[in-house]
């Protein structure tokens, strides 16, 4: 068995698991369903993944890998910091199908996090990865003089929190908030955060600096 077919089969299994978790939820997805969806035998799934939890952790790895590729794509080259922020927002708010798939599955896993340490560790890494890339972008903008002198960690934390909060609002109540609305709100907030000296931002940065 060559390396390429092996990797393709594994990817097909993980992809099928992610699709089923999106459709049925983590608790109601079985290895038998994954086998049917992927077009493989249940025994072949056991060849790649010794138990169900290992397969579902592979789904989290897949989500994390995609997130890193997206963020690296935003930050590569000599793009100005503001352009990096806008690309980050477009990645998150620009595709309803991709965003729904990503966050619906992630939220389902978050429900398991208090009980499963391995799941909790992965979800923490996913959040920290997004925050770290955003913080680097903010720091770059501040150092170059493109952004006003905000504290990078505090500013990145506020922006990421707003982005993810608006995504949750869209998922639970899309009639009241569209992805386009979410993008516009986040971009407006980011403009105020990085270019305008508002009282709201000054307070938050001051709190961060005192810690």
Protein backbone atom coordinates (compact mmCIF):
# COMPACT_ATOMS: atom_id res chain seq x y z
CA UNK A 1 0.00 0.00 0.00
CA UNK A 2 1.64 3.25 -1.13
CA UNK A 3 1.84 6.30 1.13
CA UNK A 4 -0.50 8.37 -1.03
CA UNK A 5 -3.53 6.02 -0.95
CA UNK A 6 -3.00 5.51 2.79
CA UNK A 7 -3.12 9.25 3.43
CA UNK A 8 -6.08 9.68 1.06
CA UNK A 9 -8.06 6.99 2.87
CA UNK A 10 -7.28 8.50 6.25
CA UNK A 11 -8.32 11.95 5.03
CA UNK A 12 -11.56 10.55 3.59
CA UNK A 13 -12.39 8.99 6.97
CA UNK A 14 -11.65 12.20 8.89
CA UNK A 15 -13.61 14.28 6.38
CA UNK A 16 -16.60 11.92 6.67
CA UNK A 17 -16.45 12.13 10.46
CA UNK A 18 -16.45 15.93 10.34
CA UNK A 19 -19.44 15.97 7.97
CA UNK A 20 -21.40 13.62 10.21
CA UNK A 21 -20.61 15.57 13.37
CA UNK A 22 -21.88 18.67 11.58
CA UNK A 23 -25.08 16.85 10.63
CA UNK A 24 -25.76 14.66 13.68
CA UNK A 25 -23.58 15.99 16.48
CA UNK A 26 -20.62 14.42 18.25
CA UNK A 27 -22.64 12.14 20.53
CA UNK A 28 -24.83 10.76 17.75
CA UNK A 29 -22.06 9.95 15.27
CA UNK A 30 -20.89 6.32 15.18
CA UNK A 31 -17.94 4.63 13.52
CA UNK A 32 -20.40 2.60 11.45
CA UNK A 33 -21.91 5.80 10.04
CA UNK A 34 -18.45 7.16 9.30
CA UNK A 35 -17.52 3.96 7.45
CA UNK A 36 -20.61 4.19 5.23
CA UNK A 37 -20.04 7.88 4.56
CA UNK A 38 -16.36 7.37 3.69
CA UNK A 39 -17.04 4.26 1.60
CA UNK A 40 -14.74 2.05 3.66
CA UNK A 41 -15.12 -0.85 6.07
CA UNK A 42 -15.40 -0.32 9.81
CA UNK A 43 -12.31 -2.50 10.15
CA UNK A 44 -10.31 -0.08 8.00
CA UNK A 45 -11.27 2.76 10.33
CA UNK A 46 -9.88 0.69 13.22
CA UNK A 47 -6.64 0.29 11.25
CA UNK A 48 -6.13 4.07 11.31
CA UNK A 49 -7.81 4.88 14.62
CA UNK A 50 -7.74 2.47 17.56
CA UNK A 51 -10.85 4.01 19.11
CA UNK A 52 -13.57 6.51 18.37
CA UNK A 53 -11.98 9.29 20.42
CA UNK A 54 -8.82 9.15 18.29
CA UNK A 55 -10.84 9.71 15.13
CA UNK A 56 -12.65 12.68 16.59
CA UNK A 57 -9.39 14.19 17.81
CA UNK A 58 -8.18 13.87 14.22
CA UNK A 59 -11.17 16.01 13.23
CA UNK A 60 -9.95 18.68 15.65
CA UNK A 61 -6.45 18.38 14.17
CA UNK A 62 -7.96 18.92 10.73
CA UNK A 63 -9.78 22.05 11.91
CA UNK A 64 -6.60 23.36 13.54
CA UNK A 65 -4.57 22.70 10.39
CA UNK A 66 -7.06 24.56 8.23
CA UNK A 67 -7.12 27.48 10.67
CA UNK A 68 -3.33 27.73 10.61
CA UNK A 69 -3.23 27.66 6.81
CA UNK A 70 -5.85 30.40 6.63
CA UNK A 71 -4.01 32.57 9.15
CA UNK A 72 -0.64 32.02 7.49
CA UNK A 73 -2.22 33.03 4.19
CA UNK A 74 -3.37 36.29 5.75
CA UNK A 75 0.05 37.07 7.21
CA UNK A 76 2.47 35.94 4.51
CA UNK A 77 4.50 38.41 2.50
CA UNK A 78 4.81 42.10 3.29
CA UNK A 79 1.12 42.86 3.57
CA UNK A 80 0.28 45.90 5.69
CA UNK A 81 -1.17 45.00 9.08
CA UNK A 82 -4.60 46.45 8.24
CA UNK A 83 -4.81 44.31 5.11
CA UNK A 84 -3.97 41.26 7.24
CA UNK A 85 -6.82 42.13 9.61
CA UNK A 86 -9.25 42.52 6.72
CA UNK A 87 -8.20 39.19 5.20
CA UNK A 88 -8.67 37.53 8.58
CA UNK A 89 -12.19 38.94 8.79
CA UNK A 90 -12.98 37.87 5.22
CA UNK A 91 -11.76 34.34 5.93
CA UNK A 92 -14.11 34.12 8.89
CA UNK A 93 -17.16 35.95 7.55
CA UNK A 94 -16.77 35.37 3.82
CA UNK A 95 -17.99 31.78 3.44
CA UNK A 96 -21.22 30.69 5.11
CA UNK A 97 -20.66 27.01 4.33
CA UNK A 98 -17.10 26.88 5.63
CA UNK A 99 -17.80 28.97 8.73
CA UNK A 100 -20.89 26.95 9.64
CA UNK A 101 -18.96 23.70 9.21
CA UNK A 102 -16.03 24.93 11.29
CA UNK A 103 -17.92 26.48 14.20
CA UNK A 104 -20.79 24.01 14.46
CA UNK A 105 -18.33 21.16 14.85
CA UNK A 106 -16.10 23.15 17.19
CA UNK A 107 -19.02 24.10 19.45
CA UNK A 108 -20.05 20.45 19.62
CA UNK A 109 -16.54 19.54 20.74
CA UNK A 110 -16.52 22.37 23.28
CA UNK A 111 -19.45 20.68 25.00
CA UNK A 112 -17.17 17.68 25.58
CA UNK A 113 -14.23 19.76 26.80
CA UNK A 114 -15.09 19.87 30.54
CA UNK A 115 -15.09 16.04 30.62
CA UNK A 116 -12.36 15.20 28.11
CA UNK A 117 -8.92 16.67 28.75
CA UNK A 118 -7.62 15.84 25.26
CA UNK A 119 -10.55 17.68 23.68
CA UNK A 120 -10.08 20.60 26.07
CA UNK A 121 -6.40 20.81 25.14
CA UNK A 122 -7.14 20.88 21.41
CA UNK A 123 -9.87 23.50 21.69
CA UNK A 124 -7.53 25.65 23.79
CA UNK A 125 -4.84 25.38 21.11
CA UNK A 126 -7.33 26.34 18.40
CA UNK A 127 -8.36 29.49 20.28
CA UNK A 128 -4.77 30.36 21.20
CA UNK A 129 -3.64 29.94 17.59
CA UNK A 130 -6.16 32.50 16.36
CA UNK A 131 -5.26 34.90 19.15
CA UNK A 132 -1.51 34.53 18.58
CA UNK A 133 -1.71 35.32 14.86
CA UNK A 134 -3.92 38.33 15.51
CA UNK A 135 -1.58 39.57 18.23
CA UNK A 136 1.38 39.34 15.84
CA UNK A 137 -0.53 41.34 13.27
CA UNK A 138 -1.40 44.05 15.80
CA UNK A 139 2.16 44.18 17.10
CA UNK A 140 3.45 44.56 13.54
CA UNK A 141 1.01 47.40 12.87
CA UNK A 142 1.97 49.21 16.06
CA UNK A 143 5.72 48.85 15.44
CA UNK A 144 5.43 50.14 11.87
CA UNK A 145 3.33 53.11 12.95
CA UNK A 146 0.38 51.92 10.86
CA UNK A 147 -1.73 51.41 14.01
CA UNK A 148 -1.93 53.71 16.99
CA UNK A 149 -0.01 52.47 20.09
CA UNK A 150 -2.44 49.93 21.52
CA UNK A 151 -1.32 47.03 23.69
CA UNK A 152 -1.21 44.10 21.20
CA UNK A 153 -2.49 41.31 23.45
CA UNK A 154 -5.39 43.34 24.82
CA UNK A 155 -6.38 44.62 21.37
CA UNK A 156 -6.14 41.17 19.76
CA UNK A 157 -8.14 39.61 22.59
CA UNK A 158 -10.95 42.14 22.18
CA UNK A 159 -11.11 41.74 18.41
CA UNK A 160 -11.02 37.92 18.45
CA UNK A 161 -13.69 37.88 21.17
CA UNK A 162 -15.92 40.11 19.07
CA UNK A 163 -15.36 38.02 15.93
CA UNK A 164 -16.22 34.76 17.65
CA UNK A 165 -19.13 36.27 19.57
CA UNK A 166 -20.72 37.55 16.36
CA UNK A 167 -20.24 34.16 14.70
CA UNK A 168 -22.14 32.55 17.58
CA UNK A 169 -24.94 35.11 17.21
CA UNK A 170 -25.15 34.33 13.50
CA UNK A 171 -25.24 30.57 14.11
CA UNK A 172 -28.02 30.80 16.69
CA UNK A 173 -30.05 33.62 15.15
CA UNK A 174 -29.20 34.15 11.45
CA UNK A 175 -32.46 36.05 10.90
CA UNK A 176 -31.19 38.85 13.12
CA UNK A 177 -27.53 38.90 12.08
CA UNK A 178 -26.00 37.92 8.74
CA UNK A 179 -22.34 37.13 8.14
CA UNK A 180 -22.10 40.35 6.13
CA UNK A 181 -23.42 42.25 9.15
CA UNK A 182 -20.84 40.54 11.34
CA UNK A 183 -18.04 41.51 8.98
CA UNK A 184 -19.11 45.16 8.89
CA UNK A 185 -19.42 45.36 12.68
CA UNK A 186 -15.99 43.79 13.23
CA UNK A 187 -14.31 45.96 10.62
CA UNK A 188 -15.82 49.10 12.13
CA UNK A 189 -14.71 48.02 15.60
CA UNK A 190 -11.20 47.24 14.31
CA UNK A 191 -10.95 50.66 12.65
CA UNK A 192 -11.83 52.35 15.93
CA UNK A 193 -9.47 50.05 17.80
CA UNK A 194 -6.43 50.66 15.61
CA UNK A 195 -6.95 54.13 14.17
CA UNK A 196 -9.18 56.14 16.52
CA UNK A 197 -8.42 57.12 20.11
CA UNK A 198 -11.75 56.15 21.68
CA UNK A 199 -12.41 56.22 25.41
CA UNK A 200 -13.58 52.58 25.36
CA UNK A 201 -10.28 51.32 23.96
CA UNK A 202 -8.17 53.55 26.22
CA UNK A 203 -9.79 52.04 29.32
CA UNK A 204 -9.21 48.45 28.21
CA UNK A 205 -5.60 49.06 27.23
CA UNK A 206 -4.94 50.82 30.53
CA UNK A 207 -6.32 47.85 32.46
CA UNK A 208 -4.08 45.49 30.49
CA UNK A 209 -1.01 47.64 31.09
CA UNK A 210 -1.58 47.68 34.86
CA UNK A 211 -1.50 43.87 35.09
